[in-house]
Amino acid sequence: MHETQYNGRSKPVVLIVDDEPTMREAVKLILSKNFDIVEASNGVEAIRMYKEYKPDIVLMDIMMPIMNGIECTKLLLKDDPDALILAITAYSSKKGKEIMEVGAKGILPKPFKRKDLVEFINRYLNEHRR
């Protein structure tokens, strides 16, 4: 069996960070065939899950309770400057600019199509293989 390039795992791990359970479930349904999925409902949970699972990519909502996506992105990148964080948000103008300034690599506006989500993730994974 040949070793993959996803930290020795057969599929890349995606951490979905969104306070809306329906959004996490929708993303999980779209991605679960080709990715292993870990979920968090706010930034505090995301930091804990990131440390535990070391995902290949983080899909980060911006507007969340407890800790928003901008603060979470700052902290994740402080601990792991190589973290690949992509924002998925309905607030893609002002807040999107803020999350990009703190280190997110890209933004996918909500709502999005299934095809757009998969292409978005694959493009960044291929560009940032660890």
Protein backbone atom coordinates (compact mmCIF):
# COMPACT_ATOMS: atom_id res chain seq x y z
CA MET A 1 0.00 0.00 0.00
CA HIS A 2 1.49 3.34 -0.98
CA GLU A 3 1.76 6.24 1.44
CA THR A 4 -0.33 9.29 0.57
CA GLN A 5 0.72 12.88 0.97
CA TYR A 6 -1.84 13.68 3.66
CA ASN A 7 0.27 13.20 6.79
CA GLY A 8 0.20 9.43 6.25
CA ARG A 9 -3.59 9.32 5.99
CA SER A 10 -5.54 7.89 3.08
CA LYS A 11 -7.78 10.97 2.79
CA PRO A 12 -7.17 14.60 3.68
CA VAL A 13 -8.82 15.78 6.89
CA VAL A 14 -11.09 18.83 6.72
CA LEU A 15 -12.06 20.75 9.85
CA ILE A 16 -15.44 22.45 9.31
CA VAL A 17 -15.92 25.40 11.66
CA ASP A 18 -19.43 26.87 11.58
CA ASP A 19 -21.98 27.66 14.28
CA GLU A 20 -24.86 26.50 12.06
CA PRO A 21 -25.36 22.71 12.37
CA THR A 22 -27.20 22.60 9.03
CA MET A 23 -24.24 24.23 7.26
CA ARG A 24 -21.75 21.81 8.86
CA GLU A 25 -23.99 18.89 7.86
CA ALA A 26 -24.35 20.14 4.27
CA VAL A 27 -20.59 20.58 3.87
CA LYS A 28 -19.97 17.19 5.45
CA LEU A 29 -22.39 15.50 3.03
CA ILE A 30 -20.65 17.12 0.06
CA LEU A 31 -17.13 16.25 1.22
CA SER A 32 -17.37 12.99 3.18
CA LYS A 33 -16.72 10.71 0.19
CA ASN A 34 -13.27 12.18 -0.47
CA PHE A 35 -12.31 13.71 2.87
CA ASP A 36 -12.29 12.76 6.54
CA ILE A 37 -14.36 15.35 8.41
CA VAL A 38 -13.95 16.93 11.84
CA GLU A 39 -16.39 19.58 13.08
CA ALA A 40 -16.41 22.54 15.45
CA SER A 41 -19.21 25.00 16.21
CA ASN A 42 -17.03 27.95 17.29
CA GLY A 43 -13.44 29.15 17.38
CA VAL A 44 -12.64 27.71 20.81
CA GLU A 45 -13.72 24.23 19.72
CA ALA A 46 -11.84 24.68 16.44
CA ILE A 47 -8.55 25.31 18.24
CA ARG A 48 -9.01 22.18 20.35
CA MET A 49 -9.98 20.07 17.31
CA TYR A 50 -7.09 21.46 15.26
CA LYS A 51 -4.56 20.46 17.92
CA GLU A 52 -6.10 17.00 18.24
CA TYR A 53 -6.58 16.13 14.54
CA LYS A 54 -4.07 18.32 12.66
CA PRO A 55 -6.39 18.75 9.66
CA ASP A 56 -5.03 19.36 6.18
CA ILE A 57 -7.49 22.20 5.64
CA VAL A 58 -9.81 24.32 7.78
CA LEU A 59 -13.09 25.71 6.42
CA MET A 60 -13.79 28.69 8.68
CA ASP A 61 -17.02 30.62 9.09
CA ILE A 62 -16.44 34.20 10.23
CA MET A 63 -19.46 35.17 12.33
CA MET A 64 -19.74 32.73 15.27
CA PRO A 65 -20.43 33.02 19.01
CA ILE A 66 -17.77 32.55 21.72
CA MET A 67 -14.86 33.13 19.29
CA ASN A 68 -15.31 34.35 15.73
CA GLY A 69 -13.43 33.06 12.71
CA ILE A 70 -11.06 36.03 12.51
CA GLU A 71 -9.80 35.57 16.07
CA CYS A 72 -9.62 31.81 15.62
CA THR A 73 -7.62 32.17 12.40
CA LYS A 74 -5.12 34.46 14.17
CA LEU A 75 -4.62 31.95 16.99
CA LEU A 76 -4.38 28.89 14.73
CA LEU A 77 -1.76 30.58 12.56
CA LYS A 78 0.18 31.72 15.63
CA ASP A 79 0.46 28.07 16.72
CA ASP A 80 0.88 26.66 13.20
CA PRO A 81 1.96 29.18 10.55
CA ASP A 82 1.44 26.50 7.88
CA ALA A 83 -2.26 25.98 8.71
CA LEU A 84 -4.37 26.12 5.56
CA ILE A 85 -7.46 28.13 6.48
CA LEU A 86 -10.19 28.99 3.98
CA ALA A 87 -13.13 31.21 4.88
CA ILE A 88 -16.66 30.22 3.94
CA THR A 89 -18.91 33.14 4.71
CA ALA A 90 -21.93 35.19 3.77
CA TYR A 91 -19.92 38.26 4.88
CA SER A 92 -17.36 38.19 2.10
CA SER A 93 -16.76 41.93 1.73
CA LYS A 94 -15.61 43.71 4.95
CA LYS A 95 -15.23 40.64 7.18
CA GLY A 96 -13.73 38.69 4.30
CA LYS A 97 -11.05 41.34 3.92
CA GLU A 98 -10.32 41.10 7.66
CA ILE A 99 -9.92 37.32 7.66
CA MET A 100 -7.63 37.48 4.62
CA GLU A 101 -5.51 40.13 6.38
CA VAL A 102 -4.95 37.81 9.34
CA GLY A 103 -3.88 34.92 7.13
CA ALA A 104 -6.76 32.98 5.55
CA LYS A 105 -5.75 31.81 2.08
CA GLY A 106 -9.10 32.22 0.33
CA ILE A 107 -12.81 32.95 0.62
CA LEU A 108 -15.81 31.09 -0.75
CA PRO A 109 -19.01 33.16 -0.45
CA LYS A 110 -22.19 31.56 0.92
CA PRO A 111 -24.37 30.31 -0.61
CA PHE A 112 -22.21 28.13 -2.83
CA LYS A 113 -22.74 25.21 -5.19
CA ARG A 114 -21.45 21.72 -4.43
CA LYS A 115 -19.07 21.83 -7.41
CA ASP A 116 -17.67 25.22 -6.31
CA LEU A 117 -16.92 23.94 -2.80
CA VAL A 118 -15.08 20.85 -4.04
CA GLU A 119 -13.08 22.82 -6.63
CA PHE A 120 -12.25 25.49 -4.02
CA ILE A 121 -10.86 22.94 -1.55
CA ASN A 122 -8.98 20.90 -4.14
CA ARG A 123 -7.35 24.00 -5.63
CA TYR A 124 -5.92 25.07 -2.27
CA LEU A 125 -4.97 21.54 -1.22
CA ASN A 126 -3.03 21.05 -4.45
CA GLU A 127 -1.27 24.40 -4.02
CA HIS A 128 -0.36 23.83 -0.36
CA ARG A 129 0.53 20.16 -0.01
CA ARG A 130 2.51 19.56 3.15
